[in-house]
Amino acid sequence: MKNAIKTRCTGGSLGATFSLAIDATKVLSAMEVSTQYKSILGAVNDISVTGLSLDKTQDILQQKSDFSNVEIATEVKVCIMLFHMVPPG
């Protein structure tokens, strides 16, 4: 955290204030293909579909054979950090 603040400070007499917004949202336990990101979303870790055949992608989505142990996410956690440079006073 200290390093993040230092890299955002411009020096001088300005102080840096920051705030954090944290959210954990329950999600539907399902996986889907994102063509924009070329990944399967909804698992605990995103799975790249680059170079995978349609059959292999279907196997992952249906959790068949080698992919029966893919853990599906139950919530999404997001943290947003805001930094503000505030003059004294």
Protein backbone atom coordinates (compact mmCIF):
# COMPACT_ATOMS: atom_id res chain seq x y z
CA MET A 1 0.00 0.00 0.00
CA LYS A 2 2.83 2.39 0.86
CA ASN A 3 4.49 1.82 -2.51
CA ALA A 4 1.20 2.48 -4.32
CA ILE A 5 0.84 5.80 -2.50
CA LYS A 6 4.47 6.80 -3.16
CA THR A 7 4.19 6.17 -6.91
CA ARG A 8 1.07 8.33 -7.13
CA CYS A 9 2.42 11.29 -5.12
CA THR A 10 3.87 14.13 -7.16
CA GLY A 11 5.91 15.56 -4.31
CA GLY A 12 5.76 19.12 -3.05
CA SER A 13 3.25 20.09 -0.39
CA LEU A 14 0.29 18.15 -1.76
CA GLY A 15 -1.03 15.40 0.45
CA ALA A 16 -2.40 12.17 -0.93
CA THR A 17 -5.70 10.84 0.36
CA PHE A 18 -7.19 7.59 -0.80
CA SER A 19 -10.29 5.51 -0.38
CA LEU A 20 -11.12 1.87 -0.99
CA ALA A 21 -14.41 0.41 -2.17
CA ILE A 22 -14.69 -3.35 -1.70
CA ASP A 23 -17.56 -5.50 -2.88
CA ALA A 24 -18.22 -9.24 -2.92
CA THR A 25 -21.22 -10.16 -5.05
CA LYS A 26 -22.82 -13.59 -5.28
CA VAL A 27 -23.01 -14.82 -8.86
CA LEU A 28 -24.84 -17.57 -10.67
CA SER A 29 -22.68 -20.71 -10.66
CA ALA A 30 -22.30 -21.11 -14.41
CA MET A 31 -19.58 -20.82 -17.03
CA GLU A 32 -19.76 -19.08 -20.40
CA VAL A 33 -17.47 -18.24 -23.29
CA SER A 34 -16.37 -14.63 -23.76
CA THR A 35 -15.40 -14.15 -27.40
CA GLN A 36 -14.00 -10.70 -26.60
CA TYR A 37 -11.46 -12.10 -24.11
CA LYS A 38 -11.15 -15.56 -25.74
CA SER A 39 -11.76 -17.13 -22.34
CA ILE A 40 -14.25 -19.16 -20.39
CA LEU A 41 -15.53 -17.02 -17.54
CA GLY A 42 -17.25 -18.21 -14.40
CA ALA A 43 -14.59 -20.57 -13.10
CA VAL A 44 -12.42 -19.61 -10.14
CA ASN A 45 -9.68 -18.89 -12.72
CA ASP A 46 -10.36 -17.77 -16.29
CA ILE A 47 -9.64 -20.48 -18.87
CA SER A 48 -8.15 -19.42 -22.22
CA VAL A 49 -9.85 -20.96 -25.26
CA THR A 50 -7.17 -19.76 -27.69
CA GLY A 51 -6.20 -22.76 -29.81
CA LEU A 52 -8.84 -25.07 -28.30
CA SER A 53 -11.22 -26.97 -30.57
CA LEU A 54 -14.98 -26.51 -30.27
CA ASP A 55 -15.29 -30.03 -28.82
CA LYS A 56 -12.67 -29.33 -26.14
CA THR A 57 -14.39 -26.04 -25.24
CA GLN A 58 -17.74 -27.87 -24.94
CA ASP A 59 -16.10 -30.47 -22.68
CA ILE A 60 -14.87 -27.71 -20.36
CA LEU A 61 -18.29 -26.02 -20.24
CA GLN A 62 -20.03 -29.33 -19.50
CA GLN A 63 -17.23 -30.41 -17.10
CA LYS A 64 -16.64 -33.70 -18.89
CA SER A 65 -13.66 -36.07 -18.51
CA ASP A 66 -10.44 -34.15 -17.76
CA PHE A 67 -12.35 -31.00 -16.83
CA SER A 68 -14.65 -32.45 -14.14
CA ASN A 69 -12.54 -30.79 -11.44
CA VAL A 70 -12.94 -27.19 -12.72
CA GLU A 71 -14.12 -25.17 -9.72
CA ILE A 72 -16.98 -22.77 -10.51
CA ALA A 73 -16.94 -19.35 -8.83
CA THR A 74 -19.68 -18.48 -6.34
CA GLU A 75 -18.87 -14.77 -5.95
CA VAL A 76 -16.92 -11.95 -7.54
CA LYS A 77 -14.70 -9.75 -5.39
CA VAL A 78 -13.78 -6.27 -6.57
CA CYS A 79 -11.64 -3.56 -4.97
CA ILE A 80 -11.38 -0.03 -6.36
CA MET A 81 -8.66 2.32 -5.09
CA LEU A 82 -9.10 6.08 -5.52
CA PHE A 83 -6.22 8.50 -4.96
CA HIS A 84 -6.69 12.27 -4.65
CA MET A 85 -4.06 15.00 -4.48
CA VAL A 86 -5.31 17.53 -1.96
CA PRO A 87 -3.73 20.94 -1.31
CA PRO A 88 -3.10 21.83 2.36
CA GLY A 89 -5.99 23.32 4.29
